[in-house]
Structure formats: C-alpha cells, structure tokens
Amino acid sequence: MARRIDFHDDPDAPAANSMVPSVNVVVVNDAGDLLMIHRTDNDNWAVPGGAIDLGESLTDAAVRETREETGIDCEITGLVGIYTDPRHVIYYTSDGEARQEFSIMLTARPVGGQPTTSTESREVRWVPRDLVEALRMDRSMRLRIGHYLAGGGPHLR
C-alpha cells in the first residue's frame, strides 16, 4: 500500500520536488463535534482534505474532498489559516513525490450525507471537541486543529 510520510525539520527528509495547493476542512455539526477521518495512508487522524485540481476553486475542492473522504456534504463558512512551512515535506512512497506543505484550512457546516469510509479513510466519525486532541495525528494537523479550537485567526504559517 502507498504511504504518506511527513517530515518536520528533518535533515534526512527528501528534498521537496513539488508544491501542490491543498485544502483541509474542519466540519462542525450542531453539537460542536468535528468530522474526523482515520487516514489509510499514514494511520493518523485528520480532518478531510486534499489537492485542489486545475479548474477547481478552493471552496469547490473543499466540498468535493469532504464528500469523497467522508460521505458528508458541507457548506464552507470560514478560514482557519494558510500553512506553507517549507520545513514540512510530505513524501509519497507510491511515486517518490516529496511535496512542500501548502494547505489552506477552512471551516464548514454539514448540510447532508452520512459518515462513510473511502479508500482514503478507514474510519469516519464525529468527535467531540474535547476528545480531538487525544487522537493520534501528525504534528502539522494537530497545529491546524489547535488553531481552530483556540479561535482567532486567520493563522498564517
């Protein structure tokens, strides 16, 4: 199975060979729970998200990625931050791509659908905000979710 490996401030990380704008989405239901996925490529928990395709807007990509990975339809409501740390390299074992982080994190509310797994998510669930930080996740995702939970922003990194 193809894997995703995140490197942070690591001198042994592969040199970045691409930068792909991507989006992550913090979808929050009426109870205040966050929509989370248990990723298949790195075994970490995260909010849904992925690359923005050519010809696609940021918000269209956010809605599409959320639906594809979780089965939930959403409406974008705001911006958490923009994350472009060149010391964060994401290596994909399937093709040798070493991507420099470039992610925009948005907020959304659910408007339909049911939590459903995909090839990218082994589990999808609504997680109470006070339990989110106990989940295993990559440090960049933990930082972004922490920014959302703390409020304020938008955050630029």
Protein backbone atom coordinates (compact mmCIF):
# COMPACT_ATOMS: atom_id res chain seq x y z
CA MET A 1 0.00 0.00 0.00
CA ALA A 2 1.21 3.51 -0.83
CA ARG A 3 2.15 5.53 2.22
CA ARG A 4 2.45 9.16 3.15
CA ILE A 5 5.37 10.11 5.39
CA ASP A 6 5.54 13.58 6.97
CA PHE A 7 8.96 15.06 7.72
CA HIS A 8 9.32 18.10 10.00
CA ASP A 9 12.64 19.95 10.39
CA ASP A 10 14.37 16.70 9.42
CA PRO A 11 17.81 16.95 7.74
CA ASP A 12 17.25 13.44 6.33
CA ALA A 13 13.99 14.40 4.62
CA PRO A 14 13.96 14.12 0.85
CA ALA A 15 14.28 17.42 -0.99
CA ALA A 16 10.91 18.80 -1.99
CA ASN A 17 10.19 18.30 -5.69
CA SER A 18 6.66 19.71 -5.84
CA MET A 19 4.23 22.13 -4.26
CA VAL A 20 0.53 21.36 -4.63
CA PRO A 21 -2.09 23.71 -3.21
CA SER A 22 -4.40 21.71 -0.96
CA VAL A 23 -7.31 22.31 1.35
CA ASN A 24 -8.38 20.86 4.70
CA VAL A 25 -11.84 21.32 6.16
CA VAL A 26 -12.97 21.50 9.78
CA VAL A 27 -16.62 20.44 9.51
CA VAL A 28 -18.51 21.08 12.75
CA ASN A 29 -22.01 19.78 13.46
CA ASP A 30 -24.69 21.45 15.62
CA ALA A 31 -23.37 19.63 18.73
CA GLY A 32 -19.92 21.16 18.15
CA ASP A 33 -18.33 17.83 17.14
CA LEU A 34 -15.60 17.78 14.46
CA LEU A 35 -15.74 15.47 11.46
CA MET A 36 -12.56 13.36 11.57
CA ILE A 37 -11.09 10.64 9.37
CA HIS A 38 -8.67 7.86 10.25
CA ARG A 39 -6.38 8.00 7.22
CA THR A 40 -5.38 4.85 5.36
CA ASP A 41 -2.02 6.19 4.10
CA ASN A 42 -0.38 7.09 7.43
CA ASP A 43 -2.71 5.67 10.13
CA ASN A 44 -3.25 9.16 11.61
CA TRP A 45 -6.44 11.04 12.31
CA ALA A 46 -7.13 14.22 10.36
CA VAL A 47 -9.86 16.45 9.05
CA PRO A 48 -10.80 15.77 5.42
CA GLY A 49 -8.90 17.42 2.62
CA GLY A 50 -6.70 17.08 -0.43
CA ALA A 51 -5.32 18.70 -3.54
CA ILE A 52 -7.07 21.47 -5.43
CA ASP A 53 -7.49 20.32 -9.03
CA LEU A 54 -6.84 22.53 -12.06
CA GLY A 55 -10.04 24.37 -12.99
CA GLU A 56 -11.44 23.98 -9.49
CA SER A 57 -12.00 26.70 -6.90
CA LEU A 58 -10.78 26.42 -3.32
CA THR A 59 -14.30 26.02 -1.94
CA ASP A 60 -15.31 23.51 -4.64
CA ALA A 61 -12.24 21.42 -3.79
CA ALA A 62 -13.07 21.59 -0.07
CA VAL A 63 -16.63 20.39 -0.62
CA ARG A 64 -15.52 17.67 -3.07
CA GLU A 65 -12.73 16.32 -0.84
CA THR A 66 -15.01 16.27 2.21
CA ARG A 67 -17.70 14.36 0.31
CA GLU A 68 -15.18 11.91 -1.23
CA GLU A 69 -13.43 11.10 2.05
CA THR A 70 -16.38 11.19 4.47
CA GLY A 71 -19.74 10.96 2.67
CA ILE A 72 -20.71 14.32 4.21
CA ASP A 73 -21.84 17.28 2.11
CA CYS A 74 -20.80 20.62 3.58
CA GLU A 75 -21.08 24.36 3.17
CA ILE A 76 -17.93 26.43 3.67
CA THR A 77 -18.24 29.02 6.46
CA GLY A 78 -14.78 30.47 7.07
CA LEU A 79 -10.99 30.37 7.11
CA VAL A 80 -8.75 28.95 9.84
CA GLY A 81 -5.42 29.67 8.18
CA ILE A 82 -2.86 29.18 5.43
CA TYR A 83 0.07 26.83 6.08
CA THR A 84 3.19 26.91 3.87
CA ASP A 85 6.06 25.68 6.04
CA PRO A 86 8.99 24.73 3.74
CA ARG A 87 10.43 22.61 6.59
CA HIS A 88 7.40 20.29 6.33
CA VAL A 89 7.92 17.81 3.49
CA ILE A 90 5.31 15.17 2.67
CA TYR A 91 6.76 12.11 0.93
CA TYR A 92 4.53 9.76 -1.07
CA THR A 93 6.01 6.27 -1.47
CA SER A 94 3.82 5.47 -4.49
CA ASP A 95 5.61 7.83 -6.86
CA GLY A 96 8.51 9.48 -5.00
CA GLU A 97 6.80 12.84 -4.81
CA ALA A 98 8.21 14.98 -1.99
CA ARG A 99 5.75 17.81 -1.54
CA GLN A 100 6.36 21.07 0.31
CA GLU A 101 3.39 21.87 2.53
CA PHE A 102 0.86 24.31 1.09
CA SER A 103 -2.51 23.93 2.75
CA ILE A 104 -5.45 26.23 3.32
CA MET A 105 -7.70 25.22 6.20
CA LEU A 106 -11.37 26.18 6.04
CA THR A 107 -14.38 25.72 8.31
CA ALA A 108 -17.72 24.27 7.25
CA ARG A 109 -21.06 23.02 8.44
CA PRO A 110 -22.66 19.76 7.31
CA VAL A 111 -25.69 20.03 5.02
CA GLY A 112 -26.29 16.35 4.22
CA GLY A 113 -24.93 12.86 3.84
CA GLN A 114 -23.88 10.16 6.27
CA PRO A 115 -20.38 9.32 7.54
CA THR A 116 -18.99 6.82 5.04
CA THR A 117 -15.45 5.49 4.61
CA SER A 118 -13.48 5.67 1.37
CA THR A 119 -10.16 4.39 0.03
CA GLU A 120 -8.54 7.29 1.92
CA SER A 121 -10.39 6.85 5.23
CA ARG A 122 -10.61 3.64 7.26
CA GLU A 123 -12.94 5.31 9.77
CA VAL A 124 -15.09 8.45 9.70
CA ARG A 125 -16.71 9.85 12.80
CA TRP A 126 -17.93 12.94 14.61
CA VAL A 127 -15.54 13.59 17.50
CA PRO A 128 -16.44 15.82 20.47
CA ARG A 129 -14.04 18.78 20.52
CA ASP A 130 -12.72 17.86 23.98
CA LEU A 131 -11.63 14.43 22.66
CA VAL A 132 -9.99 15.55 19.40
CA GLU A 133 -6.57 16.27 20.90
CA ALA A 134 -6.35 12.69 22.28
CA LEU A 135 -6.35 11.25 18.74
CA ARG A 136 -3.10 10.24 17.05
CA MET A 137 -2.29 12.78 14.34
CA ASP A 138 0.64 14.37 12.55
CA ARG A 139 2.02 17.47 14.21
CA SER A 140 1.02 19.76 11.32
CA MET A 141 -2.61 18.59 11.58
CA ARG A 142 -2.50 18.96 15.37
CA LEU A 143 -1.24 22.54 14.94
CA ARG A 144 -4.02 23.44 12.48
CA ILE A 145 -6.78 21.87 14.57
CA GLY A 146 -5.33 23.59 17.63
CA HIS A 147 -5.59 26.93 15.83
CA TYR A 148 -9.24 26.19 15.05
CA LEU A 149 -10.03 25.16 18.64
CA ALA A 150 -8.28 28.26 20.03
CA GLY A 151 -10.20 30.60 17.74
CA GLY A 152 -8.88 33.82 16.34
CA GLY A 153 -7.05 33.97 13.08
CA PRO A 154 -6.71 33.59 10.30
CA HIS A 155 -3.37 31.98 11.05
CA LEU A 156 -0.51 32.32 8.57
CA ARG A 157 2.44 29.90 8.79
